[in-house]
């Protein structure tokens, strides 16, 4: 008998200090025990699904009520909801434009700022070396709450296939992430608007303007360009894009290598170029927050999903913009 088959599941595993439910499961049933076994590709949660014979996808996909066959299997349901919502959030633009994710224990965050303006040149013997300073930021970031109240009675969804229910949760997660992305884009735009920008008449946007934006990056690389769908459409029909866009249907890149990202959260008057390795810091106090006890007890009339999050620009020179007039 494998160890995962004897783990005692209980509500309290969701309420351990500084540990997620998955981490609690991994502590009780380490994945390292399953190397070179048929279960090697499963994490601790997926092994519990196997234990209770719960299929969340595929031709034999179970229905929501399968989670509530026993009191122990019911404990697995909040993690199912969390994973589905989280998957939707990860399918958004946000992970593509975030350079770093920082955790904080409260709703206020004070990071560090890098001042690195001195030239990187040779230094004469006996002379002081140029200074790069990393100091506490003078500004404090207040995290904002984004959430959704999902109304779905148990009787209404108990016979629903788990893959279909997960699809609905993914859609909610995706739209939640889109709302969060609007904040991230606003932060990037504000930083770019305070630095050098290219101003172009909207009806005369051409490839040379995109190349000029690329040329504005002196200490960073423009790894991504963000544009609203209407602006994306104008870029895609440029002659220079014809050969490039036919090479890979999974992503679109400009001829000089920059990834072109469709960003509906951006207005039609702005194109942002960013170095995705250095531009944006995402700050959050926790992962997705659920009322786990209610879910375990079949109280599904009101499923609240929320996250506390905010953003700041790490390096202002890592973001530039074209302003369309």
C-alpha atoms as a PDB file:
ATOM      1  CA  UNK A   1       0.000   0.000   0.000  1.00  0.00           C
ATOM      2  CA  UNK A   2       1.304   3.427  -0.965  1.00  0.00           C
ATOM      3  CA  UNK A   3       1.569   6.168   1.648  1.00  0.00           C
ATOM      4  CA  UNK A   4      -0.936   8.454  -0.121  1.00  0.00           C
ATOM      5  CA  UNK A   5      -3.688   5.922   0.549  1.00  0.00           C
ATOM      6  CA  UNK A   6      -3.437   6.360   4.309  1.00  0.00           C
ATOM      7  CA  UNK A   7      -3.284  10.163   4.612  1.00  0.00           C
ATOM      8  CA  UNK A   8      -5.965  11.598   6.902  1.00  0.00           C
ATOM      9  CA  UNK A   9      -7.679  14.497   5.133  1.00  0.00           C
ATOM     10  CA  UNK A  10      -9.316  17.209   7.230  1.00  0.00           C
ATOM     11  CA  UNK A  11     -10.408  20.847   6.968  1.00  0.00           C
ATOM     12  CA  UNK A  12      -7.558  22.066   9.134  1.00  0.00           C
ATOM     13  CA  UNK A  13      -5.069  21.364   6.347  1.00  0.00           C
ATOM     14  CA  UNK A  14      -6.313  24.549   4.653  1.00  0.00           C
ATOM     15  CA  UNK A  15      -5.625  26.709   7.697  1.00  0.00           C
ATOM     16  CA  UNK A  16      -1.995  25.953   8.539  1.00  0.00           C
ATOM     17  CA  UNK A  17       0.203  29.025   8.994  1.00  0.00           C
ATOM     18  CA  UNK A  18       2.386  29.810   5.964  1.00  0.00           C
ATOM     19  CA  UNK A  19       1.344  26.591   4.197  1.00  0.00           C
ATOM     20  CA  UNK A  20      -1.055  25.933   1.367  1.00  0.00           C
ATOM     21  CA  UNK A  21      -3.217  22.821   1.242  1.00  0.00           C
ATOM     22  CA  UNK A  22      -0.906  21.330  -1.385  1.00  0.00           C
ATOM     23  CA  UNK A  23       2.145  22.000   0.771  1.00  0.00           C
ATOM     24  CA  UNK A  24       0.419  20.298   3.683  1.00  0.00           C
ATOM     25  CA  UNK A  25      -0.277  17.287   1.473  1.00  0.00           C
ATOM     26  CA  UNK A  26       3.298  17.232   0.192  1.00  0.00           C
ATOM     27  CA  UNK A  27       4.616  17.265   3.764  1.00  0.00           C
ATOM     28  CA  UNK A  28       2.449  14.273   4.616  1.00  0.00           C
ATOM     29  CA  UNK A  29       3.099  12.479   1.331  1.00  0.00           C
ATOM     30  CA  UNK A  30       6.323  13.715  -0.345  1.00  0.00           C
ATOM     31  CA  UNK A  31       6.487  13.328  -4.098  1.00  0.00           C
ATOM     32  CA  UNK A  32      10.124  12.297  -3.739  1.00  0.00           C
ATOM     33  CA  UNK A  33       8.885   8.914  -2.481  1.00  0.00           C
ATOM     34  CA  UNK A  34       7.434   8.153  -5.910  1.00  0.00           C
ATOM     35  CA  UNK A  35      10.449   8.547  -8.186  1.00  0.00           C
ATOM     36  CA  UNK A  36      10.668   5.717 -10.719  1.00  0.00           C
ATOM     37  CA  UNK A  37       7.129   4.622  -9.897  1.00  0.00           C
ATOM     38  CA  UNK A  38       3.914   4.807 -11.989  1.00  0.00           C
ATOM     39  CA  UNK A  39       2.886   7.790  -9.832  1.00  0.00           C
ATOM     40  CA  UNK A  40       6.041   9.835 -10.453  1.00  0.00           C
ATOM     41  CA  UNK A  41       4.269  12.452 -12.593  1.00  0.00           C
ATOM     42  CA  UNK A  42       1.513  13.154 -10.044  1.00  0.00           C
ATOM     43  CA  UNK A  43       1.708  15.713  -7.240  1.00  0.00           C
ATOM     44  CA  UNK A  44       0.297  15.036  -3.782  1.00  0.00           C
ATOM     45  CA  UNK A  45      -3.144  16.398  -4.680  1.00  0.00           C
ATOM     46  CA  UNK A  46      -3.392  14.375  -7.869  1.00  0.00           C
ATOM     47  CA  UNK A  47      -2.518  11.246  -5.908  1.00  0.00           C
ATOM     48  CA  UNK A  48      -5.462  11.947  -3.624  1.00  0.00           C
ATOM     49  CA  UNK A  49      -7.742  12.235  -6.646  1.00  0.00           C
ATOM     50  CA  UNK A  50      -6.479   8.822  -7.708  1.00  0.00           C
ATOM     51  CA  UNK A  51      -7.058   7.469  -4.197  1.00  0.00           C
ATOM     52  CA  UNK A  52     -10.741   8.434  -4.294  1.00  0.00           C
ATOM     53  CA  UNK A  53     -11.079   7.546  -7.984  1.00  0.00           C
ATOM     54  CA  UNK A  54     -12.094  11.086  -8.960  1.00  0.00           C
ATOM     55  CA  UNK A  55     -11.627  11.826 -12.665  1.00  0.00           C
ATOM     56  CA  UNK A  56     -11.620  15.563 -13.410  1.00  0.00           C
ATOM     57  CA  UNK A  57     -11.220  15.258 -17.196  1.00  0.00           C
ATOM     58  CA  UNK A  58     -11.356  12.803 -20.061  1.00  0.00           C
ATOM     59  CA  UNK A  59     -13.986  10.406 -21.274  1.00  0.00           C
ATOM     60  CA  UNK A  60     -14.636   9.029 -17.784  1.00  0.00           C
ATOM     61  CA  UNK A  61     -14.899  12.469 -16.197  1.00  0.00           C
ATOM     62  CA  UNK A  62     -16.931  12.400 -12.983  1.00  0.00           C
ATOM     63  CA  UNK A  63     -19.603  14.795 -11.813  1.00  0.00           C
ATOM     64  CA  UNK A  64     -19.271  17.362  -9.038  1.00  0.00           C
ATOM     65  CA  UNK A  65     -21.057  15.109  -6.541  1.00  0.00           C
ATOM     66  CA  UNK A  66     -18.191  12.584  -6.716  1.00  0.00           C
ATOM     67  CA  UNK A  67     -16.120  14.855  -4.463  1.00  0.00           C
ATOM     68  CA  UNK A  68     -18.769  14.541  -1.751  1.00  0.00           C
ATOM     69  CA  UNK A  69     -18.884  10.741  -1.603  1.00  0.00           C
ATOM     70  CA  UNK A  70     -17.046  10.798   1.744  1.00  0.00           C
ATOM     71  CA  UNK A  71     -16.130  13.467   4.271  1.00  0.00           C
ATOM     72  CA  UNK A  72     -12.462  13.051   3.363  1.00  0.00           C
ATOM     73  CA  UNK A  73     -12.909  13.301  -0.394  1.00  0.00           C
ATOM     74  CA  UNK A  74     -14.954  16.486   0.168  1.00  0.00           C
ATOM     75  CA  UNK A  75     -11.814  18.081   1.591  1.00  0.00           C
ATOM     76  CA  UNK A  76     -10.314  17.925  -1.910  1.00  0.00           C
ATOM     77  CA  UNK A  77     -13.017  20.101  -3.510  1.00  0.00           C
ATOM     78  CA  UNK A  78     -11.723  23.596  -2.563  1.00  0.00           C
ATOM     79  CA  UNK A  79      -8.361  22.772  -4.126  1.00  0.00           C
ATOM     80  CA  UNK A  80     -10.162  21.697  -7.306  1.00  0.00           C
ATOM     81  CA  UNK A  81     -11.918  25.075  -7.417  1.00  0.00           C
ATOM     82  CA  UNK A  82      -8.694  26.950  -6.667  1.00  0.00           C
ATOM     83  CA  UNK A  83      -6.770  25.139  -9.395  1.00  0.00           C
ATOM     84  CA  UNK A  84      -9.436  25.781 -12.013  1.00  0.00           C
ATOM     85  CA  UNK A  85      -9.599  29.508 -11.202  1.00  0.00           C
ATOM     86  CA  UNK A  86      -5.812  29.716 -11.027  1.00  0.00           C
ATOM     87  CA  UNK A  87      -5.454  28.024 -14.408  1.00  0.00           C
ATOM     88  CA  UNK A  88      -7.681  30.686 -15.906  1.00  0.00           C
ATOM     89  CA  UNK A  89      -5.608  33.441 -14.331  1.00  0.00           C
ATOM     90  CA  UNK A  90      -2.389  31.941 -15.666  1.00  0.00           C
ATOM     91  CA  UNK A  91      -3.825  31.893 -19.189  1.00  0.00           C
ATOM     92  CA  UNK A  92      -4.053  35.691 -19.189  1.00  0.00           C
ATOM     93  CA  UNK A  93      -1.480  38.204 -20.421  1.00  0.00           C
ATOM     94  CA  UNK A  94      -0.296  38.886 -16.864  1.00  0.00           C
ATOM     95  CA  UNK A  95       2.334  36.113 -16.471  1.00  0.00           C
ATOM     96  CA  UNK A  96       3.862  37.142 -19.801  1.00  0.00           C
ATOM     97  CA  UNK A  97       4.599  40.703 -18.691  1.00  0.00           C
ATOM     98  CA  UNK A  98       5.565  40.175 -15.024  1.00  0.00           C
ATOM     99  CA  UNK A  99       9.267  40.196 -14.180  1.00  0.00           C
ATOM    100  CA  UNK A 100       8.977  39.261 -10.483  1.00  0.00           C
ATOM    101  CA  UNK A 101       6.308  38.233  -7.991  1.00  0.00           C
ATOM    102  CA  UNK A 102       6.815  39.423  -4.407  1.00  0.00           C
ATOM    103  CA  UNK A 103       4.899  38.204  -1.359  1.00  0.00           C
ATOM    104  CA  UNK A 104       4.090  40.343   1.651  1.00  0.00           C
ATOM    105  CA  UNK A 105       2.336  39.605   4.928  1.00  0.00           C
ATOM    106  CA  UNK A 106       0.120  42.694   4.899  1.00  0.00           C
ATOM    107  CA  UNK A 107      -1.706  44.931   2.449  1.00  0.00           C
ATOM    108  CA  UNK A 108       1.113  47.467   2.412  1.00  0.00           C
ATOM    109  CA  UNK A 109       4.443  46.893   0.681  1.00  0.00           C
ATOM    110  CA  UNK A 110       7.653  48.882   0.594  1.00  0.00           C
ATOM    111  CA  UNK A 111      10.200  47.551  -1.845  1.00  0.00           C
ATOM    112  CA  UNK A 112      13.660  48.645  -2.930  1.00  0.00           C
ATOM    113  CA  UNK A 113      14.762  51.009  -5.683  1.00  0.00           C
ATOM    114  CA  UNK A 114      17.934  50.747  -7.753  1.00  0.00           C
ATOM    115  CA  UNK A 115      19.839  53.913  -8.647  1.00  0.00           C
ATOM    116  CA  UNK A 116      22.339  52.980 -11.336  1.00  0.00           C
ATOM    117  CA  UNK A 117      23.065  56.107 -13.368  1.00  0.00           C
ATOM    118  CA  UNK A 118      26.851  56.318 -13.007  1.00  0.00           C
ATOM    119  CA  UNK A 119      28.763  55.279 -16.139  1.00  0.00           C
ATOM    120  CA  UNK A 120      30.263  51.793 -16.301  1.00  0.00           C
ATOM    121  CA  UNK A 121      33.760  52.834 -17.342  1.00  0.00           C
ATOM    122  CA  UNK A 122      37.314  52.181 -16.190  1.00  0.00           C
ATOM    123  CA  UNK A 123      38.382  53.690 -12.879  1.00  0.00           C
ATOM    124  CA  UNK A 124      41.829  55.122 -12.270  1.00  0.00           C
ATOM    125  CA  UNK A 125      43.924  53.598  -9.508  1.00  0.00           C
ATOM    126  CA  UNK A 126      43.206  55.295  -6.200  1.00  0.00           C
ATOM    127  CA  UNK A 127      39.909  56.754  -7.403  1.00  0.00           C
ATOM    128  CA  UNK A 128      36.539  55.882  -5.900  1.00  0.00           C
ATOM    129  CA  UNK A 129      34.475  53.337  -7.793  1.00  0.00           C
ATOM    130  CA  UNK A 130      31.187  54.495  -9.338  1.00  0.00           C
ATOM    131  CA  UNK A 131      28.214  53.822  -7.062  1.00  0.00           C
ATOM    132  CA  UNK A 132      25.077  51.781  -7.699  1.00  0.00           C
ATOM    133  CA  UNK A 133      22.715  52.018  -4.763  1.00  0.00           C
ATOM    134  CA  UNK A 134      19.854  49.769  -3.717  1.00  0.00           C
ATOM    135  CA  UNK A 135      17.794  51.553  -1.099  1.00  0.00           C
ATOM    136  CA  UNK A 136      14.377  51.231   0.480  1.00  0.00           C
ATOM    137  CA  UNK A 137      11.730  52.794  -1.721  1.00  0.00           C
ATOM    138  CA  UNK A 138      10.321  56.141  -0.610  1.00  0.00           C
ATOM    139  CA  UNK A 139       6.810  55.074  -1.603  1.00  0.00           C
ATOM    140  CA  UNK A 140       4.541  52.450  -0.070  1.00  0.00           C
ATOM    141  CA  UNK A 141       2.323  50.295  -2.288  1.00  0.00           C
ATOM    142  CA  UNK A 142      -1.182  49.522  -1.026  1.00  0.00           C
ATOM    143  CA  UNK A 143      -2.540  46.217  -2.268  1.00  0.00           C
ATOM    144  CA  UNK A 144      -6.002  46.154  -3.813  1.00  0.00           C
ATOM    145  CA  UNK A 145      -8.597  43.402  -3.556  1.00  0.00           C
ATOM    146  CA  UNK A 146     -10.002  41.768  -6.679  1.00  0.00           C
ATOM    147  CA  UNK A 147     -12.697  39.158  -6.293  1.00  0.00           C
ATOM    148  CA  UNK A 148     -15.876  37.514  -7.425  1.00  0.00           C
ATOM    149  CA  UNK A 149     -18.900  36.002  -5.729  1.00  0.00           C
ATOM    150  CA  UNK A 150     -19.918  32.838  -7.595  1.00  0.00           C
ATOM    151  CA  UNK A 151     -23.494  31.763  -6.959  1.00  0.00           C
ATOM    152  CA  UNK A 152     -24.142  28.097  -7.692  1.00  0.00           C
ATOM    153  CA  UNK A 153     -26.247  25.871  -5.449  1.00  0.00           C
ATOM    154  CA  UNK A 154     -25.104  22.316  -4.892  1.00  0.00           C
ATOM    155  CA  UNK A 155     -28.343  20.956  -6.313  1.00  0.00           C
ATOM    156  CA  UNK A 156     -27.777  22.942  -9.496  1.00  0.00           C
ATOM    157  CA  UNK A 157     -24.228  21.717 -10.114  1.00  0.00           C
ATOM    158  CA  UNK A 158     -24.047  18.292  -8.441  1.00  0.00           C
ATOM    159  CA  UNK A 159     -24.748  16.503 -11.749  1.00  0.00           C
ATOM    160  CA  UNK A 160     -22.457  18.781 -13.758  1.00  0.00           C
ATOM    161  CA  UNK A 161     -19.371  17.166 -15.280  1.00  0.00           C
ATOM    162  CA  UNK A 162     -16.209  18.291 -13.505  1.00  0.00           C
ATOM    163  CA  UNK A 163     -14.445  19.313 -16.722  1.00  0.00           C
ATOM    164  CA  UNK A 164     -17.361  21.577 -17.712  1.00  0.00           C
ATOM    165  CA  UNK A 165     -17.570  23.072 -14.224  1.00  0.00           C
ATOM    166  CA  UNK A 166     -13.796  23.637 -14.284  1.00  0.00           C
ATOM    167  CA  UNK A 167     -14.139  25.375 -17.642  1.00  0.00           C
ATOM    168  CA  UNK A 168     -16.606  27.840 -16.124  1.00  0.00           C
ATOM    169  CA  UNK A 169     -14.262  28.465 -13.194  1.00  0.00           C
ATOM    170  CA  UNK A 170     -11.348  28.949 -15.592  1.00  0.00           C
ATOM    171  CA  UNK A 171     -13.343  31.584 -17.434  1.00  0.00           C
ATOM    172  CA  UNK A 172     -13.993  33.421 -14.177  1.00  0.00           C
ATOM    173  CA  UNK A 173     -10.283  33.197 -13.341  1.00  0.00           C
ATOM    174  CA  UNK A 174      -9.353  34.531 -16.751  1.00  0.00           C
ATOM    175  CA  UNK A 175     -11.667  37.534 -16.410  1.00  0.00           C
ATOM    176  CA  UNK A 176     -10.437  38.164 -12.882  1.00  0.00           C
ATOM    177  CA  UNK A 177      -6.874  38.199 -14.190  1.00  0.00           C
ATOM    178  CA  UNK A 178      -7.914  40.541 -17.007  1.00  0.00           C
ATOM    179  CA  UNK A 179      -9.190  42.981 -14.376  1.00  0.00           C
ATOM    180  CA  UNK A 180      -5.913  42.712 -12.486  1.00  0.00           C
ATOM    181  CA  UNK A 181      -3.983  43.196 -15.732  1.00  0.00           C
ATOM    182  CA  UNK A 182      -5.721  46.548 -16.234  1.00  0.00           C
ATOM    183  CA  UNK A 183      -3.987  47.768 -13.079  1.00  0.00           C
ATOM    184  CA  UNK A 184      -0.627  46.422 -14.235  1.00  0.00           C
ATOM    185  CA  UNK A 185      -0.963  48.132 -17.608  1.00  0.00           C
ATOM    186  CA  UNK A 186      -1.889  51.429 -15.942  1.00  0.00           C
ATOM    187  CA  UNK A 187       1.256  51.269 -13.792  1.00  0.00           C
ATOM    188  CA  UNK A 188       3.445  50.571 -16.828  1.00  0.00           C
ATOM    189  CA  UNK A 189       1.793  53.325 -18.864  1.00  0.00           C
ATOM    190  CA  UNK A 190       2.268  55.880 -16.089  1.00  0.00           C
ATOM    191  CA  UNK A 191       5.982  55.071 -15.891  1.00  0.00           C
ATOM    192  CA  UNK A 192       6.416  55.248 -19.660  1.00  0.00           C
ATOM    193  CA  UNK A 193       4.538  58.535 -19.863  1.00  0.00           C
ATOM    194  CA  UNK A 194       7.051  60.074 -17.457  1.00  0.00           C
ATOM    195  CA  UNK A 195      10.006  59.097 -19.633  1.00  0.00           C
ATOM    196  CA  UNK A 196      10.847  59.567 -23.302  1.00  0.00           C
ATOM    197  CA  UNK A 197       7.999  58.642 -25.609  1.00  0.00           C
ATOM    198  CA  UNK A 198       7.287  58.690 -29.308  1.00  0.00           C
ATOM    199  CA  UNK A 199       4.248  60.646 -30.464  1.00  0.00           C
ATOM    200  CA  UNK A 200       2.635  59.549 -33.730  1.00  0.00           C
ATOM    201  CA  UNK A 201      -0.586  60.467 -35.513  1.00  0.00           C
ATOM    202  CA  UNK A 202      -2.880  57.455 -35.213  1.00  0.00           C
ATOM    203  CA  UNK A 203      -3.613  57.310 -38.946  1.00  0.00           C
ATOM    204  CA  UNK A 204       0.075  57.353 -39.890  1.00  0.00           C
ATOM    205  CA  UNK A 205       1.381  54.544 -37.659  1.00  0.00           C
ATOM    206  CA  UNK A 206       3.879  52.452 -39.634  1.00  0.00           C
ATOM    207  CA  UNK A 207       6.664  49.944 -39.111  1.00  0.00           C
ATOM    208  CA  UNK A 208       9.322  52.634 -38.750  1.00  0.00           C
ATOM    209  CA  UNK A 209       7.574  53.823 -35.559  1.00  0.00           C
ATOM    210  CA  UNK A 210       7.779  50.322 -34.075  1.00  0.00           C
ATOM    211  CA  UNK A 211      11.454  50.134 -34.980  1.00  0.00           C
ATOM    212  CA  UNK A 212      12.015  53.569 -33.413  1.00  0.00           C
ATOM    213  CA  UNK A 213      10.435  52.338 -30.174  1.00  0.00           C
ATOM    214  CA  UNK A 214      12.840  49.397 -30.217  1.00  0.00           C
ATOM    215  CA  UNK A 215      15.698  51.849 -30.696  1.00  0.00           C
ATOM    216  CA  UNK A 216      14.669  53.795 -27.592  1.00  0.00           C
ATOM    217  CA  UNK A 217      15.847  50.934 -25.385  1.00  0.00           C
ATOM    218  CA  UNK A 218      19.484  51.596 -24.616  1.00  0.00           C
ATOM    219  CA  UNK A 219      20.130  49.676 -21.369  1.00  0.00           C
ATOM    220  CA  UNK A 220      17.367  47.078 -21.785  1.00  0.00           C
ATOM    221  CA  UNK A 221      15.892  44.897 -24.515  1.00  0.00           C
ATOM    222  CA  UNK A 222      12.357  45.396 -25.802  1.00  0.00           C
ATOM    223  CA  UNK A 223      11.260  41.779 -25.387  1.00  0.00           C
ATOM    224  CA  UNK A 224       7.521  42.465 -25.692  1.00  0.00           C
ATOM    225  CA  UNK A 225       5.237  45.027 -27.270  1.00  0.00           C
ATOM    226  CA  UNK A 226       1.696  45.456 -25.935  1.00  0.00           C
ATOM    227  CA  UNK A 227      -1.116  46.802 -28.071  1.00  0.00           C
ATOM    228  CA  UNK A 228      -4.921  46.821 -28.034  1.00  0.00           C
ATOM    229  CA  UNK A 229      -6.686  44.538 -30.557  1.00  0.00           C
ATOM    230  CA  UNK A 230      -7.489  47.396 -32.958  1.00  0.00           C
ATOM    231  CA  UNK A 231      -3.830  48.488 -33.006  1.00  0.00           C
ATOM    232  CA  UNK A 232      -2.702  44.877 -33.319  1.00  0.00           C
ATOM    233  CA  UNK A 233      -4.809  44.614 -36.470  1.00  0.00           C
ATOM    234  CA  UNK A 234      -3.017  47.634 -37.983  1.00  0.00           C
ATOM    235  CA  UNK A 235       0.395  46.182 -37.156  1.00  0.00           C
ATOM    236  CA  UNK A 236      -0.393  42.740 -38.553  1.00  0.00           C
ATOM    237  CA  UNK A 237      -1.174  44.105 -42.026  1.00  0.00           C
ATOM    238  CA  UNK A 238       2.121  45.987 -42.307  1.00  0.00           C
ATOM    239  CA  UNK A 239       4.216  44.632 -45.170  1.00  0.00           C
ATOM    240  CA  UNK A 240       7.116  43.864 -42.852  1.00  0.00           C
ATOM    241  CA  UNK A 241       4.911  41.518 -40.804  1.00  0.00           C
ATOM    242  CA  UNK A 242       3.764  39.244 -43.635  1.00  0.00           C
ATOM    243  CA  UNK A 243       6.760  36.886 -43.616  1.00  0.00           C
ATOM    244  CA  UNK A 244       7.185  36.926 -39.829  1.00  0.00           C
ATOM    245  CA  UNK A 245       3.559  36.193 -38.941  1.00  0.00           C
ATOM    246  CA  UNK A 246       3.504  33.072 -41.108  1.00  0.00           C
ATOM    247  CA  UNK A 247       6.347  31.356 -39.246  1.00  0.00           C
ATOM    248  CA  UNK A 248       4.696  30.447 -35.940  1.00  0.00           C
ATOM    249  CA  UNK A 249       0.981  30.430 -35.177  1.00  0.00           C
ATOM    250  CA  UNK A 250       1.526  30.108 -31.406  1.00  0.00           C
ATOM    251  CA  UNK A 251       2.958  33.615 -31.040  1.00  0.00           C
ATOM    252  CA  UNK A 252       3.579  36.699 -33.127  1.00  0.00           C
ATOM    253  CA  UNK A 253       6.968  38.387 -33.242  1.00  0.00           C
ATOM    254  CA  UNK A 254       8.165  41.517 -34.930  1.00  0.00           C
ATOM    255  CA  UNK A 255      11.009  41.012 -37.441  1.00  0.00           C
ATOM    256  CA  UNK A 256      13.564  42.174 -34.853  1.00  0.00           C
ATOM    257  CA  UNK A 257      12.422  39.501 -32.377  1.00  0.00           C
ATOM    258  CA  UNK A 258      10.078  41.370 -30.026  1.00  0.00           C
ATOM    259  CA  UNK A 259       6.980  39.400 -29.017  1.00  0.00           C
ATOM    260  CA  UNK A 260       3.741  41.139 -29.949  1.00  0.00           C
ATOM    261  CA  UNK A 261       1.084  40.728 -27.239  1.00  0.00           C
ATOM    262  CA  UNK A 262      -2.592  41.392 -27.737  1.00  0.00           C
ATOM    263  CA  UNK A 263      -3.649  43.406 -24.672  1.00  0.00           C
ATOM    264  CA  UNK A 264      -7.343  44.429 -24.592  1.00  0.00           C
ATOM    265  CA  UNK A 265      -6.711  46.268 -21.308  1.00  0.00           C
ATOM    266  CA  UNK A 266      -4.632  48.857 -23.176  1.00  0.00           C
ATOM    267  CA  UNK A 267      -6.368  51.783 -24.871  1.00  0.00           C
ATOM    268  CA  UNK A 268      -6.188  52.476 -28.600  1.00  0.00           C
ATOM    269  CA  UNK A 269      -3.913  55.475 -28.059  1.00  0.00           C
ATOM    270  CA  UNK A 270      -0.961  53.643 -26.524  1.00  0.00           C
ATOM    271  CA  UNK A 271       1.611  51.058 -27.560  1.00  0.00           C
ATOM    272  CA  UNK A 272       3.908  49.835 -24.796  1.00  0.00           C
ATOM    273  CA  UNK A 273       7.323  48.285 -25.245  1.00  0.00           C
ATOM    274  CA  UNK A 274       8.765  46.500 -22.208  1.00  0.00           C
ATOM    275  CA  UNK A 275      11.706  44.413 -21.140  1.00  0.00           C
ATOM    276  CA  UNK A 276       9.743  41.610 -19.479  1.00  0.00           C
ATOM    277  CA  UNK A 277      12.765  40.667 -17.352  1.00  0.00           C
ATOM    278  CA  UNK A 278      12.976  44.027 -15.573  1.00  0.00           C
ATOM    279  CA  UNK A 279       9.856  46.167 -16.020  1.00  0.00           C
ATOM    280  CA  UNK A 280       7.062  44.998 -13.717  1.00  0.00           C
ATOM    281  CA  UNK A 281       6.889  43.730 -10.131  1.00  0.00           C
ATOM    282  CA  UNK A 282       3.711  41.997  -8.971  1.00  0.00           C
ATOM    283  CA  UNK A 283       3.028  42.170  -5.231  1.00  0.00           C
ATOM    284  CA  UNK A 284       0.459  39.988  -3.515  1.00  0.00           C
ATOM    285  CA  UNK A 285      -0.280  38.935   0.029  1.00  0.00           C
ATOM    286  CA  UNK A 286      -1.529  35.450  -0.826  1.00  0.00           C
ATOM    287  CA  UNK A 287      -2.720  33.141  -3.558  1.00  0.00           C
ATOM    288  CA  UNK A 288      -6.412  32.891  -4.378  1.00  0.00           C
ATOM    289  CA  UNK A 289      -8.527  33.094  -1.208  1.00  0.00           C
ATOM    290  CA  UNK A 290     -11.542  30.774  -0.873  1.00  0.00           C
ATOM    291  CA  UNK A 291     -13.986  30.072   1.927  1.00  0.00           C
ATOM    292  CA  UNK A 292     -12.807  26.479   2.119  1.00  0.00           C
ATOM    293  CA  UNK A 293     -14.992  25.313   5.013  1.00  0.00           C
ATOM    294  CA  UNK A 294     -18.178  26.295   3.189  1.00  0.00           C
ATOM    295  CA  UNK A 295     -17.087  24.417   0.072  1.00  0.00           C
ATOM    296  CA  UNK A 296     -16.286  21.285   2.036  1.00  0.00           C
ATOM    297  CA  UNK A 297     -19.688  21.430   3.739  1.00  0.00           C
ATOM    298  CA  UNK A 298     -21.632  21.685   0.451  1.00  0.00           C
ATOM    299  CA  UNK A 299     -22.513  25.331   1.077  1.00  0.00           C
ATOM    300  CA  UNK A 300     -21.961  26.338  -2.532  1.00  0.00           C
ATOM    301  CA  UNK A 301     -24.634  29.033  -2.783  1.00  0.00           C
ATOM    302  CA  UNK A 302     -21.932  31.678  -2.541  1.00  0.00           C
ATOM    303  CA  UNK A 303     -18.357  30.824  -3.541  1.00  0.00           C
ATOM    304  CA  UNK A 304     -16.136  33.862  -2.960  1.00  0.00           C
ATOM    305  CA  UNK A 305     -12.862  34.038  -4.848  1.00  0.00           C
ATOM    306  CA  UNK A 306     -10.436  36.896  -4.224  1.00  0.00           C
ATOM    307  CA  UNK A 307      -6.806  37.973  -4.383  1.00  0.00           C
ATOM    308  CA  UNK A 308      -4.968  40.968  -2.880  1.00  0.00           C
ATOM    309  CA  UNK A 309      -2.519  42.344  -5.400  1.00  0.00           C
ATOM    310  CA  UNK A 310      -0.792  45.431  -6.780  1.00  0.00           C
ATOM    311  CA  UNK A 311       2.089  46.401  -9.074  1.00  0.00           C
ATOM    312  CA  UNK A 312       5.015  48.736  -9.438  1.00  0.00           C
ATOM    313  CA  UNK A 313       7.576  49.459 -12.131  1.00  0.00           C
ATOM    314  CA  UNK A 314      10.964  48.066 -11.130  1.00  0.00           C
ATOM    315  CA  UNK A 315      13.126  49.832 -13.729  1.00  0.00           C
ATOM    316  CA  UNK A 316      11.534  52.833 -15.437  1.00  0.00           C
ATOM    317  CA  UNK A 317      13.889  52.590 -18.421  1.00  0.00           C
ATOM    318  CA  UNK A 318      12.585  49.082 -19.079  1.00  0.00           C
ATOM    319  CA  UNK A 319       9.274  50.440 -20.371  1.00  0.00           C
ATOM    320  CA  UNK A 320       8.734  52.869 -23.287  1.00  0.00           C
ATOM    321  CA  UNK A 321       5.694  53.941 -25.236  1.00  0.00           C
ATOM    322  CA  UNK A 322       4.238  55.243 -28.474  1.00  0.00           C
ATOM    323  CA  UNK A 323       1.438  57.752 -27.906  1.00  0.00           C
ATOM    324  CA  UNK A 324      -1.056  57.837 -30.769  1.00  0.00           C
ATOM    325  CA  UNK A 325      -2.783  61.177 -31.304  1.00  0.00           C
END
